[in-house]
Structures are given as C-alpha cells and as structure tokens.
Amino acid sequence: MPLNIPNGFMNVHLTIANVSGLNSAMNSVALGLEMSVAFDGVADFPRIANLFRDGISARYDNLWTMGPTRGEFTFAGVRYVLEDTGTEAGTHALMDNAPPAVALVVSKKTVRLGKAFRGRMYMPGVDEVKISEGGIVDGAEVNAWQASMDALRAALIADAAIVDVVLFHSVGSPEANTPTSISRLLVRNVVGTMRPRQRR
C-alpha cells in the first residue's frame, strides 16, 4: 500500500550511492516532514536537501555520494514533486564496506505502541571491520552513527520551514491522515539485510 502524505507534509528521499558499485550500490532512505505554513518549495527545499546530505555524509567515505534528493509535498490535496540534484561526497576515512545487502538499521521510534507506529531505514555501506561474525556492530560505531542521527533530526526540526519529523502511514490505515511524530532515530547494534526486489 502506498503512503498517505496529508496536506502540509512532505516525504523526502535521499539517494546514497557507492561510485564503484554502479546501480547495484544505489540506495535511498526516506523521512517524513511536517512543514510550516511558511514553507516555500523553491526557496527552502535545496536547504532541506543539504541538511540531509550533511547529516549523513560524515558516516561515509568519499567512494559514497549523498544525493540527489526528491521531496513529495502535498498542498491543497495536490502532490508536488521537488527535486534537488546536488550531491555530496562522504567525509569519513576510507572504509572496508560490507556487501550491498548488509545495512545498518535505524528505527524510526515514536511514543505510540504497535507495529503501525514503527518504521526503519536501512543505511548501506557499513564498515565491515566494525561488524562481528554474529552481525553485531561495534559499540563505538553505533555511538558515532547515533550522534549523526540525533544531529540530523535536531537540524531538521530547527529549520524554520519544518515543524516536525514524522512517520507516515499507508493509505487505508486508520492512522493514514495523522502522521506520527518520530521521537528518535534509533541506531540498532545488529545489522539487517536488504533483499533486492525482482522486476516482473
């Protein structure tokens, strides 16, 4: 089921790509935003896209790029697509990346209980030397990622065009018209795997 993006909200997708992996290493992560009444897509979206790139680039080396960024914004019942083509290379020291299917899991935590009020992002390119044979991520690496995720959420909420970071719900869900505030982007200490979807 597609996500419902109510009036005044935007879903932002950031592309994260490994330049040495071509299409097999292209990924994207998404966050929902509640926009202020003063939001101006043309003026504000490039700045918001830059906040996303800056918030994540420190966790990747320069073989990775953050961007482009796409935003789906709903106003007066009409969905608009905003595009920012800017990219930014990672600034971390060179890493030995795990295979593309192995990812760091970042939970979108809310104060509500139940599966409908949980989301996640799969962050590619985990440093393989920081992962144990059992899939446990080194504590210092988790802490570094957590600091970046906390800073990203804080930077987004501090922007004048943004009211909150939110979790969207599927069309047809009882909660579809009421996005849920994300209280924290919580970095998990066990890696996840992403299964590629087959084209039919």
Protein backbone atom coordinates (compact mmCIF):
# COMPACT_ATOMS: atom_id res chain seq x y z
CA MET A 1 0.00 0.00 0.00
CA PRO A 2 1.32 3.49 -0.81
CA LEU A 3 1.95 6.00 1.95
CA ASN A 4 -0.57 8.75 2.56
CA ILE A 5 1.07 12.19 2.62
CA PRO A 6 -1.53 14.61 4.02
CA ASN A 7 -1.72 18.33 3.30
CA GLY A 8 1.25 20.23 4.64
CA PHE A 9 3.55 17.21 4.83
CA MET A 10 6.49 16.07 2.70
CA ASN A 11 8.27 12.74 2.22
CA VAL A 12 11.96 13.28 1.44
CA HIS A 13 14.07 10.60 -0.32
CA LEU A 14 17.86 10.86 -0.25
CA THR A 15 19.88 8.73 -2.68
CA ILE A 16 23.02 7.13 -1.21
CA ALA A 17 25.28 5.61 -3.85
CA ASN A 18 28.67 3.92 -3.97
CA VAL A 19 30.51 5.24 -7.03
CA SER A 20 32.36 1.94 -7.52
CA GLY A 21 29.23 -0.22 -7.44
CA LEU A 22 27.12 1.35 -10.22
CA ASN A 23 23.40 0.50 -9.98
CA SER A 24 23.94 -2.37 -7.54
CA ALA A 25 25.06 0.09 -4.88
CA MET A 26 22.32 2.70 -5.27
CA ASN A 27 20.07 3.04 -2.24
CA SER A 28 17.69 5.59 -0.82
CA VAL A 29 16.38 6.46 2.62
CA ALA A 30 13.28 8.49 3.41
CA LEU A 31 11.97 10.67 6.21
CA GLY A 32 8.61 12.37 6.58
CA LEU A 33 8.42 16.04 7.49
CA GLU A 34 5.63 18.28 8.73
CA MET A 35 6.14 21.63 7.01
CA SER A 36 5.42 25.08 8.44
CA VAL A 37 2.84 27.35 6.79
CA ALA A 38 5.76 29.48 5.56
CA PHE A 39 7.31 26.62 3.57
CA ASP A 40 8.35 27.73 0.07
CA GLY A 41 9.39 24.72 -2.00
CA VAL A 42 11.61 26.57 -4.45
CA ALA A 43 13.45 28.55 -1.79
CA ASP A 44 13.51 26.03 1.06
CA PHE A 45 13.91 22.58 -0.48
CA PRO A 46 17.58 22.97 -1.54
CA ARG A 47 18.44 23.90 2.05
CA ILE A 48 16.49 20.92 3.43
CA ALA A 49 18.23 18.60 0.95
CA ASN A 50 21.57 19.94 2.16
CA LEU A 51 20.62 19.21 5.79
CA PHE A 52 20.06 15.56 4.79
CA ARG A 53 23.37 15.34 2.93
CA ASP A 54 25.32 16.99 5.75
CA GLY A 55 23.65 14.82 8.38
CA ILE A 56 24.76 11.56 6.76
CA SER A 57 27.95 12.32 4.81
CA ALA A 58 30.22 12.11 7.87
CA ARG A 59 29.41 8.40 8.20
CA TYR A 60 30.63 7.54 4.66
CA ASP A 61 33.98 7.70 2.88
CA ASN A 62 34.49 9.52 -0.41
CA LEU A 63 33.51 6.50 -2.51
CA TRP A 64 29.94 7.28 -1.47
CA THR A 65 27.77 10.19 -2.56
CA MET A 66 24.67 11.62 -0.88
CA GLY A 67 22.10 12.97 -3.33
CA PRO A 68 20.17 13.73 -5.42
CA THR A 69 17.17 14.38 -3.17
CA ARG A 70 13.47 14.20 -4.01
CA GLY A 71 10.58 15.53 -1.97
CA GLU A 72 6.89 14.64 -2.37
CA PHE A 73 4.86 17.51 -0.90
CA THR A 74 1.06 17.71 -0.63
CA PHE A 75 -0.72 21.06 -0.70
CA ALA A 76 -4.48 21.56 -1.06
CA GLY A 77 -4.88 17.89 -1.98
CA VAL A 78 -2.34 18.04 -4.81
CA ARG A 79 1.00 16.21 -4.60
CA TYR A 80 4.05 18.08 -5.91
CA VAL A 81 7.50 16.63 -6.56
CA LEU A 82 10.52 18.72 -5.64
CA GLU A 83 13.99 17.81 -6.91
CA ASP A 84 17.45 18.82 -5.75
CA THR A 85 20.25 17.43 -7.94
CA GLY A 86 23.07 18.36 -5.56
CA THR A 87 25.39 15.62 -4.34
CA GLU A 88 27.99 15.48 -1.60
CA ALA A 89 30.81 13.01 -1.12
CA GLY A 90 31.33 11.27 2.19
CA THR A 91 33.96 12.73 4.52
CA HIS A 92 34.81 9.66 6.65
CA ALA A 93 38.20 7.94 6.41
CA LEU A 94 38.34 5.13 3.84
CA MET A 95 36.34 2.09 4.96
CA ASP A 96 36.07 -1.57 4.01
CA ASN A 97 32.35 -1.67 3.19
CA ALA A 98 30.17 -4.72 3.79
CA PRO A 99 28.31 -6.15 0.77
CA PRO A 100 25.40 -4.03 -0.51
CA ALA A 101 22.73 -6.26 1.06
CA VAL A 102 24.14 -5.70 4.57
CA ALA A 103 22.90 -2.50 6.19
CA LEU A 104 22.79 -0.62 9.45
CA VAL A 105 19.22 -0.46 10.77
CA VAL A 106 17.88 2.87 12.06
CA SER A 107 14.49 2.59 13.74
CA LYS A 108 12.01 5.45 13.47
CA LYS A 109 10.84 5.48 17.10
CA THR A 110 7.54 7.06 18.17
CA VAL A 111 5.79 7.29 21.53
CA ARG A 112 2.93 5.10 20.22
CA LEU A 113 2.84 1.32 20.63
CA GLY A 114 2.22 -1.21 17.89
CA LYS A 115 3.67 -2.19 14.53
CA ALA A 116 1.81 0.61 12.74
CA PHE A 117 3.82 3.16 14.71
CA ARG A 118 7.28 1.82 13.87
CA GLY A 119 9.41 2.44 10.83
CA ARG A 120 13.02 1.92 9.81
CA MET A 121 15.73 2.99 7.44
CA TYR A 122 18.43 0.69 6.07
CA MET A 123 21.71 2.57 5.82
CA PRO A 124 24.09 0.89 3.34
CA GLY A 125 27.86 0.79 3.45
CA VAL A 126 28.55 -0.36 6.99
CA ASP A 127 32.27 -0.64 7.75
CA GLU A 128 32.81 -4.41 7.63
CA VAL A 129 35.58 -4.39 10.22
CA LYS A 130 33.06 -2.98 12.71
CA ILE A 131 30.72 -6.00 12.35
CA SER A 132 31.26 -9.25 14.26
CA GLU A 133 30.66 -12.68 12.74
CA GLY A 134 27.30 -12.68 14.51
CA GLY A 135 26.24 -9.42 12.88
CA ILE A 136 26.80 -7.23 15.95
CA VAL A 137 28.02 -3.71 15.24
CA ASP A 138 30.90 -2.35 17.34
CA GLY A 139 29.64 -0.11 20.17
CA ALA A 140 31.78 2.88 19.19
CA GLU A 141 30.44 2.66 15.62
CA VAL A 142 26.86 2.53 16.87
CA ASN A 143 27.52 5.58 19.07
CA ALA A 144 29.03 7.52 16.15
CA TRP A 145 26.03 6.73 13.95
CA GLN A 146 23.65 7.61 16.78
CA ALA A 147 25.28 11.01 17.22
CA SER A 148 24.82 11.66 13.49
CA MET A 149 21.16 10.58 13.54
CA ASP A 150 20.43 12.72 16.62
CA ALA A 151 22.12 15.70 14.98
CA LEU A 152 20.20 15.17 11.72
CA ARG A 153 16.82 15.10 13.48
CA ALA A 154 17.72 18.17 15.56
CA ALA A 155 18.89 20.10 12.49
CA LEU A 156 15.69 19.32 10.60
CA ILE A 157 13.42 20.38 13.47
CA ALA A 158 15.47 23.57 13.96
CA ASP A 159 14.86 24.65 10.36
CA ALA A 160 12.23 27.39 10.04
CA ALA A 161 10.41 25.53 7.25
CA ILE A 162 9.98 22.32 9.30
CA VAL A 163 7.69 21.66 12.26
CA ASP A 164 8.50 18.01 12.97
CA VAL A 165 9.97 14.74 11.68
CA VAL A 166 7.15 12.22 11.23
CA LEU A 167 6.21 8.67 10.33
CA PHE A 168 3.66 8.31 7.52
CA HIS A 169 1.04 5.56 7.40
CA SER A 170 -0.34 3.55 4.50
CA VAL A 171 -3.40 4.60 2.55
CA GLY A 172 -6.35 2.73 4.04
CA SER A 173 -4.81 2.60 7.52
CA PRO A 174 -6.90 4.08 10.38
CA GLU A 175 -3.95 6.41 11.01
CA ALA A 176 -3.47 7.39 7.36
CA ASN A 177 -4.42 11.05 7.82
CA THR A 178 -2.44 11.57 11.03
CA PRO A 179 1.34 11.15 10.68
CA THR A 180 3.06 10.21 13.96
CA SER A 181 5.89 12.28 15.42
CA ILE A 182 9.26 10.49 15.40
CA SER A 183 10.81 10.88 18.84
CA ARG A 184 14.18 9.40 17.89
CA LEU A 185 16.09 7.84 15.01
CA LEU A 186 17.49 4.92 17.00
CA VAL A 187 20.55 3.09 15.63
CA ARG A 188 20.42 -0.66 16.20
CA ASN A 189 23.52 -2.69 17.07
CA VAL A 190 22.64 -5.65 14.82
CA VAL A 191 22.93 -5.30 11.04
CA GLY A 192 19.98 -6.06 8.80
CA THR A 193 19.83 -7.40 5.27
CA MET A 194 18.05 -5.88 2.29
CA ARG A 195 16.62 -8.30 -0.25
CA PRO A 196 16.56 -6.83 -3.77
CA ARG A 197 13.12 -6.79 -5.33
CA GLN A 198 12.78 -8.61 -8.64
CA ARG A 199 11.32 -6.80 -11.64
CA ARG A 200 8.28 -8.56 -13.05
